[in-house]
PDB file of N, CA and C in Angstrom:
ATOM      1  N   UNK A   1       3.499   4.147 -27.652  1.00  0.00           N
ATOM      2  CA  UNK A   1       3.933   3.288 -27.128  1.00  0.00           C
ATOM      3  C   UNK A   1       2.508   2.431 -27.356  1.00  0.00           C
ATOM      4  N   UNK A   2       2.679   1.556 -28.318  1.00  0.00           N
ATOM      5  CA  UNK A   2       1.451   0.758 -28.315  1.00  0.00           C
ATOM      6  C   UNK A   2       1.600  -0.564 -27.572  1.00  0.00           C
ATOM      7  N   UNK A   3       0.191  -0.833 -26.851  1.00  0.00           N
ATOM      8  CA  UNK A   3       0.534  -1.800 -26.407  1.00  0.00           C
ATOM      9  C   UNK A   3      -0.637  -3.096 -26.107  1.00  0.00           C
ATOM     10  N   UNK A   4       0.395  -4.036 -26.448  1.00  0.00           N
ATOM     11  CA  UNK A   4      -0.844  -5.637 -26.989  1.00  0.00           C
ATOM     12  C   UNK A   4      -1.282  -6.143 -26.117  1.00  0.00           C
ATOM     13  N   UNK A   5      -1.907  -7.094 -26.669  1.00  0.00           N
ATOM     14  CA  UNK A   5      -2.841  -7.903 -25.646  1.00  0.00           C
ATOM     15  C   UNK A   5      -1.470  -8.984 -25.054  1.00  0.00           C
ATOM     16  N   UNK A   6      -0.693  -9.350 -25.603  1.00  0.00           N
ATOM     17  CA  UNK A   6       0.127 -10.108 -24.995  1.00  0.00           C
ATOM     18  C   UNK A   6       1.103  -9.352 -24.168  1.00  0.00           C
ATOM     19  N   UNK A   7       1.425  -7.827 -24.153  1.00  0.00           N
ATOM     20  CA  UNK A   7       2.337  -7.464 -22.954  1.00  0.00           C
ATOM     21  C   UNK A   7       1.009  -7.302 -21.490  1.00  0.00           C
ATOM     22  N   UNK A   8       0.248  -7.202 -21.996  1.00  0.00           N
ATOM     23  CA  UNK A   8      -0.751  -7.129 -20.900  1.00  0.00           C
ATOM     24  C   UNK A   8      -0.959  -9.039 -20.404  1.00  0.00           C
ATOM     25  N   UNK A   9      -0.736  -9.715 -21.031  1.00  0.00           N
ATOM     26  CA  UNK A   9      -0.802 -11.721 -20.644  1.00  0.00           C
ATOM     27  C   UNK A   9       0.317 -11.825 -20.035  1.00  0.00           C
ATOM     28  N   UNK A  10       1.394 -11.050 -20.325  1.00  0.00           N
ATOM     29  CA  UNK A  10       2.948 -11.086 -19.756  1.00  0.00           C
ATOM     30  C   UNK A  10       2.727 -10.408 -18.152  1.00  0.00           C
ATOM     31  N   UNK A  11       1.865  -9.340 -18.019  1.00  0.00           N
ATOM     32  CA  UNK A  11       1.930  -8.463 -16.718  1.00  0.00           C
ATOM     33  C   UNK A  11       1.080  -9.443 -15.728  1.00  0.00           C
ATOM     34  N   UNK A  12      -0.199  -9.568 -16.499  1.00  0.00           N
ATOM     35  CA  UNK A  12      -1.063 -10.454 -15.671  1.00  0.00           C
ATOM     36  C   UNK A  12      -0.470 -11.614 -14.942  1.00  0.00           C
ATOM     37  N   UNK A  13       0.341 -12.411 -15.778  1.00  0.00           N
ATOM     38  CA  UNK A  13       1.367 -13.303 -15.485  1.00  0.00           C
ATOM     39  C   UNK A  13       1.973 -13.424 -14.223  1.00  0.00           C
ATOM     40  N   UNK A  14       3.103 -11.980 -14.909  1.00  0.00           N
ATOM     41  CA  UNK A  14       3.953 -11.706 -13.454  1.00  0.00           C
ATOM     42  C   UNK A  14       3.102 -11.595 -12.397  1.00  0.00           C
ATOM     43  N   UNK A  15       2.107 -11.188 -12.312  1.00  0.00           N
ATOM     44  CA  UNK A  15       1.352 -10.755 -11.388  1.00  0.00           C
ATOM     45  C   UNK A  15       0.104 -11.907 -10.691  1.00  0.00           C
ATOM     46  N   UNK A  16       0.393 -12.782 -11.214  1.00  0.00           N
ATOM     47  CA  UNK A  16      -0.105 -13.900 -11.062  1.00  0.00           C
ATOM     48  C   UNK A  16      -2.137 -13.523 -11.035  1.00  0.00           C
ATOM     49  N   UNK A  17      -1.905 -13.230 -12.004  1.00  0.00           N
ATOM     50  CA  UNK A  17      -4.122 -12.799 -12.338  1.00  0.00           C
ATOM     51  C   UNK A  17      -4.432 -13.990 -13.331  1.00  0.00           C
ATOM     52  N   UNK A  18      -5.283 -14.067 -13.383  1.00  0.00           N
ATOM     53  CA  UNK A  18      -6.320 -15.086 -14.715  1.00  0.00           C
ATOM     54  C   UNK A  18      -6.973 -14.617 -15.032  1.00  0.00           C
ATOM     55  N   UNK A  19      -6.780 -13.914 -16.565  1.00  0.00           N
ATOM     56  CA  UNK A  19      -7.706 -12.900 -16.965  1.00  0.00           C
ATOM     57  C   UNK A  19      -8.552 -13.704 -17.966  1.00  0.00           C
ATOM     58  N   UNK A  20     -10.045 -13.546 -17.958  1.00  0.00           N
ATOM     59  CA  UNK A  20     -10.740 -14.506 -19.058  1.00  0.00           C
ATOM     60  C   UNK A  20     -10.445 -13.548 -20.467  1.00  0.00           C
ATOM     61  N   UNK A  21     -11.278 -13.629 -21.762  1.00  0.00           N
ATOM     62  CA  UNK A  21     -10.492 -12.983 -23.043  1.00  0.00           C
ATOM     63  C   UNK A  21     -11.187 -11.605 -22.636  1.00  0.00           C
ATOM     64  N   UNK A  22     -12.639 -11.390 -22.194  1.00  0.00           N
ATOM     65  CA  UNK A  22     -13.213 -10.104 -22.164  1.00  0.00           C
ATOM     66  C   UNK A  22     -12.305  -9.284 -21.741  1.00  0.00           C
ATOM     67  N   UNK A  23     -11.427  -9.605 -20.376  1.00  0.00           N
ATOM     68  CA  UNK A  23     -10.745  -9.074 -19.264  1.00  0.00           C
ATOM     69  C   UNK A  23      -9.735  -8.501 -19.557  1.00  0.00           C
ATOM     70  N   UNK A  24      -9.048  -9.396 -20.496  1.00  0.00           N
ATOM     71  CA  UNK A  24      -7.597  -9.025 -21.180  1.00  0.00           C
ATOM     72  C   UNK A  24      -8.314  -7.740 -22.415  1.00  0.00           C
ATOM     73  N   UNK A  25      -9.227  -7.611 -23.067  1.00  0.00           N
ATOM     74  CA  UNK A  25      -9.537  -6.450 -24.030  1.00  0.00           C
ATOM     75  C   UNK A  25      -9.687  -5.582 -23.323  1.00  0.00           C
ATOM     76  N   UNK A  26     -10.285  -5.699 -21.974  1.00  0.00           N
ATOM     77  CA  UNK A  26     -10.621  -4.382 -21.507  1.00  0.00           C
ATOM     78  C   UNK A  26      -9.511  -3.663 -20.680  1.00  0.00           C
ATOM     79  N   UNK A  27      -8.464  -5.038 -20.253  1.00  0.00           N
ATOM     80  CA  UNK A  27      -7.799  -4.095 -19.248  1.00  0.00           C
ATOM     81  C   UNK A  27      -6.080  -3.528 -20.242  1.00  0.00           C
ATOM     82  N   UNK A  28      -6.638  -4.153 -21.887  1.00  0.00           N
ATOM     83  CA  UNK A  28      -5.520  -3.935 -22.625  1.00  0.00           C
ATOM     84  C   UNK A  28      -5.541  -1.946 -23.215  1.00  0.00           C
ATOM     85  N   UNK A  29      -7.286  -1.913 -23.177  1.00  0.00           N
ATOM     86  CA  UNK A  29      -7.345  -0.375 -23.307  1.00  0.00           C
ATOM     87  C   UNK A  29      -6.993   0.470 -22.371  1.00  0.00           C
ATOM     88  N   UNK A  30      -7.544   0.019 -21.283  1.00  0.00           N
ATOM     89  CA  UNK A  30      -7.167   0.883 -19.633  1.00  0.00           C
ATOM     90  C   UNK A  30      -5.891   1.218 -19.799  1.00  0.00           C
ATOM     91  N   UNK A  31      -5.040   0.253 -19.956  1.00  0.00           N
ATOM     92  CA  UNK A  31      -3.432   0.224 -19.544  1.00  0.00           C
ATOM     93  C   UNK A  31      -2.862   0.798 -20.592  1.00  0.00           C
ATOM     94  N   UNK A  32      -3.686   0.650 -21.749  1.00  0.00           N
ATOM     95  CA  UNK A  32      -3.079   1.752 -23.102  1.00  0.00           C
ATOM     96  C   UNK A  32      -3.341   3.285 -22.660  1.00  0.00           C
ATOM     97  N   UNK A  33      -4.552   3.505 -22.157  1.00  0.00           N
ATOM     98  CA  UNK A  33      -4.589   4.876 -21.677  1.00  0.00           C
ATOM     99  C   UNK A  33      -4.111   5.569 -20.490  1.00  0.00           C
ATOM    100  N   UNK A  34      -3.858   4.351 -19.751  1.00  0.00           N
ATOM    101  CA  UNK A  34      -2.499   5.114 -18.622  1.00  0.00           C
ATOM    102  C   UNK A  34      -1.406   5.302 -18.847  1.00  0.00           C
ATOM    103  N   UNK A  35      -0.806   4.519 -20.113  1.00  0.00           N
ATOM    104  CA  UNK A  35       0.575   4.701 -20.506  1.00  0.00           C
ATOM    105  C   UNK A  35       0.509   6.090 -21.364  1.00  0.00           C
ATOM    106  N   UNK A  36      -0.509   6.320 -21.813  1.00  0.00           N
ATOM    107  CA  UNK A  36      -0.615   7.494 -22.584  1.00  0.00           C
ATOM    108  C   UNK A  36      -0.800   8.621 -21.790  1.00  0.00           C
ATOM    109  N   UNK A  37      -1.270   8.791 -20.858  1.00  0.00           N
ATOM    110  CA  UNK A  37      -1.198   9.924 -20.054  1.00  0.00           C
ATOM    111  C   UNK A  37       0.303   9.975 -19.559  1.00  0.00           C
ATOM    112  N   UNK A  38       0.836   8.765 -18.862  1.00  0.00           N
ATOM    113  CA  UNK A  38       2.227   8.817 -18.398  1.00  0.00           C
ATOM    114  C   UNK A  38       2.868   9.128 -19.497  1.00  0.00           C
ATOM    115  N   UNK A  39       3.212   8.995 -20.871  1.00  0.00           N
ATOM    116  CA  UNK A  39       3.941   9.543 -21.774  1.00  0.00           C
ATOM    117  C   UNK A  39       3.237  11.069 -22.012  1.00  0.00           C
ATOM    118  N   UNK A  40       1.951  11.580 -21.770  1.00  0.00           N
ATOM    119  CA  UNK A  40       2.018  13.174 -21.898  1.00  0.00           C
ATOM    120  C   UNK A  40       2.786  14.115 -20.710  1.00  0.00           C
ATOM    121  N   UNK A  41       2.910  12.920 -19.875  1.00  0.00           N
ATOM    122  CA  UNK A  41       3.292  13.735 -18.363  1.00  0.00           C
ATOM    123  C   UNK A  41       5.016  13.937 -18.651  1.00  0.00           C
ATOM    124  N   UNK A  42       5.379  12.775 -19.033  1.00  0.00           N
ATOM    125  CA  UNK A  42       6.993  12.922 -19.353  1.00  0.00           C
ATOM    126  C   UNK A  42       7.823  13.674 -20.272  1.00  0.00           C
ATOM    127  N   UNK A  43       6.030  14.521 -20.897  1.00  0.00           N
ATOM    128  CA  UNK A  43       6.780  15.241 -22.262  1.00  0.00           C
ATOM    129  C   UNK A  43       6.978  16.736 -21.719  1.00  0.00           C
ATOM    130  N   UNK A  44       6.646  16.689 -20.449  1.00  0.00           N
ATOM    131  CA  UNK A  44       6.394  18.313 -19.924  1.00  0.00           C
ATOM    132  C   UNK A  44       7.885  18.698 -19.629  1.00  0.00           C
ATOM    133  N   UNK A  45       7.996  20.176 -19.802  1.00  0.00           N
ATOM    134  CA  UNK A  45       9.636  20.593 -19.422  1.00  0.00           C
ATOM    135  C   UNK A  45       9.584  20.645 -17.749  1.00  0.00           C
ATOM    136  N   UNK A  46      10.383  19.949 -17.013  1.00  0.00           N
ATOM    137  CA  UNK A  46      10.480  20.035 -15.507  1.00  0.00           C
ATOM    138  C   UNK A  46      11.678  20.121 -15.116  1.00  0.00           C
ATOM    139  N   UNK A  47      12.552  21.221 -16.155  1.00  0.00           N
ATOM    140  CA  UNK A  47      13.483  21.838 -16.006  1.00  0.00           C
ATOM    141  C   UNK A  47      13.355  22.487 -14.367  1.00  0.00           C
ATOM    142  N   UNK A  48      14.546  22.712 -13.729  1.00  0.00           N
ATOM    143  CA  UNK A  48      14.397  23.612 -12.635  1.00  0.00           C
ATOM    144  C   UNK A  48      13.311  23.060 -11.614  1.00  0.00           C
ATOM    145  N   UNK A  49      12.577  22.024 -11.147  1.00  0.00           N
ATOM    146  CA  UNK A  49      11.507  21.886 -10.842  1.00  0.00           C
ATOM    147  C   UNK A  49      11.835  20.817  -9.707  1.00  0.00           C
ATOM    148  N   UNK A  50      11.847  21.107  -8.712  1.00  0.00           N
ATOM    149  CA  UNK A  50      12.820  19.962  -7.413  1.00  0.00           C
ATOM    150  C   UNK A  50      11.516  18.891  -7.033  1.00  0.00           C
ATOM    151  N   UNK A  51      12.125  18.091  -7.217  1.00  0.00           N
ATOM    152  CA  UNK A  51      11.248  16.595  -6.839  1.00  0.00           C
ATOM    153  C   UNK A  51      10.887  16.691  -5.441  1.00  0.00           C
ATOM    154  N   UNK A  52       9.796  16.177  -5.760  1.00  0.00           N
ATOM    155  CA  UNK A  52       8.850  16.105  -4.354  1.00  0.00           C
ATOM    156  C   UNK A  52       8.620  14.752  -4.073  1.00  0.00           C
ATOM    157  N   UNK A  53       8.436  14.340  -2.650  1.00  0.00           N
ATOM    158  CA  UNK A  53       8.043  13.016  -2.301  1.00  0.00           C
ATOM    159  C   UNK A  53       6.505  12.884  -2.023  1.00  0.00           C
ATOM    160  N   UNK A  54       5.877  14.103  -1.787  1.00  0.00           N
ATOM    161  CA  UNK A  54       4.315  14.478  -1.568  1.00  0.00           C
ATOM    162  C   UNK A  54       3.857  15.482  -2.466  1.00  0.00           C
ATOM    163  N   UNK A  55       2.647  15.420  -2.966  1.00  0.00           N
ATOM    164  CA  UNK A  55       1.929  16.563  -4.013  1.00  0.00           C
ATOM    165  C   UNK A  55       2.117  18.072  -2.816  1.00  0.00           C
ATOM    166  N   UNK A  56       1.570  17.767  -1.388  1.00  0.00           N
ATOM    167  CA  UNK A  56       1.408  18.322  -0.454  1.00  0.00           C
ATOM    168  C   UNK A  56       2.555  18.535   0.677  1.00  0.00           C
ATOM    169  N   UNK A  57       2.517  19.539   1.141  1.00  0.00           N
ATOM    170  CA  UNK A  57       3.372  19.656   2.383  1.00  0.00           C
ATOM    171  C   UNK A  57       2.908  18.934   3.360  1.00  0.00           C
ATOM    172  N   UNK A  58       3.281  18.326   3.901  1.00  0.00           N
ATOM    173  CA  UNK A  58       3.268  17.005   5.343  1.00  0.00           C
ATOM    174  C   UNK A  58       3.720  17.793   6.290  1.00  0.00           C
ATOM    175  N   UNK A  59       2.996  17.750   7.425  1.00  0.00           N
ATOM    176  CA  UNK A  59       3.596  18.291   8.693  1.00  0.00           C
ATOM    177  C   UNK A  59       3.060  17.239   9.840  1.00  0.00           C
ATOM    178  N   UNK A  60       4.512  16.828  10.807  1.00  0.00           N
ATOM    179  CA  UNK A  60       4.032  15.710  11.823  1.00  0.00           C
ATOM    180  C   UNK A  60       3.122  16.370  12.599  1.00  0.00           C
ATOM    181  N   UNK A  61       1.856  15.544  13.185  1.00  0.00           N
ATOM    182  CA  UNK A  61       0.701  16.151  14.016  1.00  0.00           C
ATOM    183  C   UNK A  61       0.848  15.300  15.248  1.00  0.00           C
ATOM    184  N   UNK A  62       1.952  14.649  15.447  1.00  0.00           N
ATOM    185  CA  UNK A  62       2.108  13.992  16.822  1.00  0.00           C
ATOM    186  C   UNK A  62       3.021  14.477  17.694  1.00  0.00           C
ATOM    187  N   UNK A  63       2.685  14.653  18.805  1.00  0.00           N
ATOM    188  CA  UNK A  63       3.365  14.934  20.120  1.00  0.00           C
ATOM    189  C   UNK A  63       4.683  14.555  19.821  1.00  0.00           C
ATOM    190  N   UNK A  64       5.626  15.140  20.822  1.00  0.00           N
ATOM    191  CA  UNK A  64       6.961  14.632  20.831  1.00  0.00           C
ATOM    192  C   UNK A  64       7.204  13.524  21.851  1.00  0.00           C
ATOM    193  N   UNK A  65       7.474  12.514  22.087  1.00  0.00           N
ATOM    194  CA  UNK A  65       7.857  11.497  23.051  1.00  0.00           C
ATOM    195  C   UNK A  65       8.476  12.381  24.033  1.00  0.00           C
ATOM    196  N   UNK A  66       7.613  11.812  25.201  1.00  0.00           N
ATOM    197  CA  UNK A  66       8.236  12.436  26.836  1.00  0.00           C
ATOM    198  C   UNK A  66       8.378  11.245  27.664  1.00  0.00           C
ATOM    199  N   UNK A  67       9.364  10.470  28.248  1.00  0.00           N
ATOM    200  CA  UNK A  67       9.170   9.298  29.190  1.00  0.00           C
ATOM    201  C   UNK A  67       8.250   9.814  30.557  1.00  0.00           C
ATOM    202  N   UNK A  68       7.204   8.764  30.443  1.00  0.00           N
ATOM    203  CA  UNK A  68       6.306   9.133  31.526  1.00  0.00           C
ATOM    204  C   UNK A  68       6.170   7.412  32.308  1.00  0.00           C
ATOM    205  N   UNK A  69       5.256   7.511  33.399  1.00  0.00           N
ATOM    206  CA  UNK A  69       4.994   6.242  34.195  1.00  0.00           C
ATOM    207  C   UNK A  69       4.517   5.127  33.134  1.00  0.00           C
ATOM    208  N   UNK A  70       4.560   4.386  33.326  1.00  0.00           N
ATOM    209  CA  UNK A  70       3.787   3.261  32.539  1.00  0.00           C
ATOM    210  C   UNK A  70       2.502   2.542  33.315  1.00  0.00           C
ATOM    211  N   UNK A  71       1.447   2.191  32.646  1.00  0.00           N
ATOM    212  CA  UNK A  71       0.083   1.680  33.182  1.00  0.00           C
ATOM    213  C   UNK A  71       0.333   0.827  33.853  1.00  0.00           C
ATOM    214  N   UNK A  72      -0.443   0.836  35.305  1.00  0.00           N
ATOM    215  CA  UNK A  72      -0.319  -0.438  36.203  1.00  0.00           C
ATOM    216  C   UNK A  72      -0.687  -1.429  35.093  1.00  0.00           C
ATOM    217  N   UNK A  73       0.017  -2.610  35.365  1.00  0.00           N
ATOM    218  CA  UNK A  73      -0.245  -3.759  34.385  1.00  0.00           C
ATOM    219  C   UNK A  73      -1.810  -4.373  34.517  1.00  0.00           C
ATOM    220  N   UNK A  74      -2.605  -3.879  35.595  1.00  0.00           N
ATOM    221  CA  UNK A  74      -4.105  -4.456  35.919  1.00  0.00           C
ATOM    222  C   UNK A  74      -4.859  -3.771  34.961  1.00  0.00           C
ATOM    223  N   UNK A  75      -4.136  -2.129  34.720  1.00  0.00           N
ATOM    224  CA  UNK A  75      -4.999  -1.207  33.917  1.00  0.00           C
ATOM    225  C   UNK A  75      -4.857  -1.989  32.146  1.00  0.00           C
ATOM    226  N   UNK A  76      -4.052  -2.244  32.502  1.00  0.00           N
ATOM    227  CA  UNK A  76      -3.168  -2.173  30.857  1.00  0.00           C
ATOM    228  C   UNK A  76      -4.271  -3.689  30.506  1.00  0.00           C
ATOM    229  N   UNK A  77      -4.186  -4.514  31.300  1.00  0.00           N
ATOM    230  CA  UNK A  77      -4.795  -5.925  30.738  1.00  0.00           C
ATOM    231  C   UNK A  77      -6.560  -5.508  30.693  1.00  0.00           C
ATOM    232  N   UNK A  78      -7.229  -4.946  31.477  1.00  0.00           N
ATOM    233  CA  UNK A  78      -8.288  -4.451  31.679  1.00  0.00           C
ATOM    234  C   UNK A  78      -8.870  -4.670  30.159  1.00  0.00           C
ATOM    235  N   UNK A  79      -8.680  -4.186  29.256  1.00  0.00           N
ATOM    236  CA  UNK A  79      -9.810  -4.362  28.209  1.00  0.00           C
ATOM    237  C   UNK A  79      -9.114  -5.296  27.339  1.00  0.00           C
ATOM    238  N   UNK A  80      -8.330  -6.573  27.787  1.00  0.00           N
ATOM    239  CA  UNK A  80      -7.847  -7.371  26.516  1.00  0.00           C
ATOM    240  C   UNK A  80      -9.337  -8.615  26.884  1.00  0.00           C
ATOM    241  N   UNK A  81      -9.428  -9.151  25.580  1.00  0.00           N
ATOM    242  CA  UNK A  81     -10.277 -10.125  25.625  1.00  0.00           C
ATOM    243  C   UNK A  81     -10.110 -11.399  26.514  1.00  0.00           C
ATOM    244  N   UNK A  82      -9.008 -11.822  26.469  1.00  0.00           N
ATOM    245  CA  UNK A  82      -8.304 -13.104  27.430  1.00  0.00           C
ATOM    246  C   UNK A  82      -7.377 -12.575  28.073  1.00  0.00           C
ATOM    247  N   UNK A  83      -6.887 -12.540  28.844  1.00  0.00           N
ATOM    248  CA  UNK A  83      -5.676 -12.686  29.772  1.00  0.00           C
ATOM    249  C   UNK A  83      -5.516 -13.742  31.320  1.00  0.00           C
ATOM    250  N   UNK A  84      -4.150 -14.388  31.454  1.00  0.00           N
ATOM    251  CA  UNK A  84      -4.281 -14.611  32.796  1.00  0.00           C
ATOM    252  C   UNK A  84      -3.819 -13.957  33.823  1.00  0.00           C
ATOM    253  N   UNK A  85      -4.152 -12.629  33.856  1.00  0.00           N
ATOM    254  CA  UNK A  85      -3.948 -11.862  35.120  1.00  0.00           C
ATOM    255  C   UNK A  85      -2.297 -10.939  35.212  1.00  0.00           C
ATOM    256  N   UNK A  86      -1.537 -11.646  34.324  1.00  0.00           N
ATOM    257  CA  UNK A  86      -0.073 -11.278  33.692  1.00  0.00           C
ATOM    258  C   UNK A  86       0.329 -10.836  32.598  1.00  0.00           C
ATOM    259  N   UNK A  87      -0.460 -11.819  31.427  1.00  0.00           N
ATOM    260  CA  UNK A  87       0.031 -11.320  29.957  1.00  0.00           C
ATOM    261  C   UNK A  87      -1.253 -11.741  29.323  1.00  0.00           C
ATOM    262  N   UNK A  88      -1.368 -10.998  28.036  1.00  0.00           N
ATOM    263  CA  UNK A  88      -2.563 -11.173  26.841  1.00  0.00           C
ATOM    264  C   UNK A  88      -2.283 -12.874  26.916  1.00  0.00           C
ATOM    265  N   UNK A  89      -3.506 -13.247  26.655  1.00  0.00           N
ATOM    266  CA  UNK A  89      -3.283 -14.678  26.176  1.00  0.00           C
ATOM    267  C   UNK A  89      -4.301 -14.455  24.812  1.00  0.00           C
ATOM    268  N   UNK A  90      -3.616 -14.997  23.975  1.00  0.00           N
ATOM    269  CA  UNK A  90      -3.846 -15.503  22.116  1.00  0.00           C
ATOM    270  C   UNK A  90      -3.838 -16.648  21.638  1.00  0.00           C
ATOM    271  N   UNK A  91      -4.486 -16.510  20.366  1.00  0.00           N
ATOM    272  CA  UNK A  91      -4.603 -18.338  20.163  1.00  0.00           C
ATOM    273  C   UNK A  91      -3.192 -18.535  19.632  1.00  0.00           C
ATOM    274  N   UNK A  92      -2.738 -19.604  19.366  1.00  0.00           N
ATOM    275  CA  UNK A  92      -1.537 -20.325  18.886  1.00  0.00           C
ATOM    276  C   UNK A  92      -1.468 -19.832  17.481  1.00  0.00           C
ATOM    277  N   UNK A  93      -0.416 -19.475  17.146  1.00  0.00           N
ATOM    278  CA  UNK A  93      -0.223 -19.352  15.588  1.00  0.00           C
ATOM    279  C   UNK A  93       0.602 -20.489  15.012  1.00  0.00           C
ATOM    280  N   UNK A  94       1.651 -20.704  15.491  1.00  0.00           N
ATOM    281  CA  UNK A  94       2.515 -21.798  15.199  1.00  0.00           C
ATOM    282  C   UNK A  94       2.510 -23.534  15.760  1.00  0.00           C
ATOM    283  N   UNK A  95       0.930 -23.652  16.398  1.00  0.00           N
ATOM    284  CA  UNK A  95       0.963 -24.688  17.182  1.00  0.00           C
ATOM    285  C   UNK A  95       1.186 -24.606  18.529  1.00  0.00           C
ATOM    286  N   UNK A  96       0.991 -26.034  19.249  1.00  0.00           N
ATOM    287  CA  UNK A  96       1.320 -25.553  20.486  1.00  0.00           C
ATOM    288  C   UNK A  96       2.475 -25.812  20.986  1.00  0.00           C
TER     289      UNK A  96
END
């Protein structure tokens, strides 16, 4: 599959990227090499190979959730940069 600078320009437009002519030439070559590699992978015989979500086995390293007492309010607010003694105070995001 040949990749043209026009193809890369279209992808750049969709990604809202502005490319200089030198960048366009450089990226055209780089993306062409990536697509060649993907094409090589597509030629592999994967019959009987189970699809994977991850390349390595993942295990859950978190402890199971167990109900327990909540922190006292004063202790929870102790590390807050700003509070009113009852709630965290944060800057307004949507105005006053």
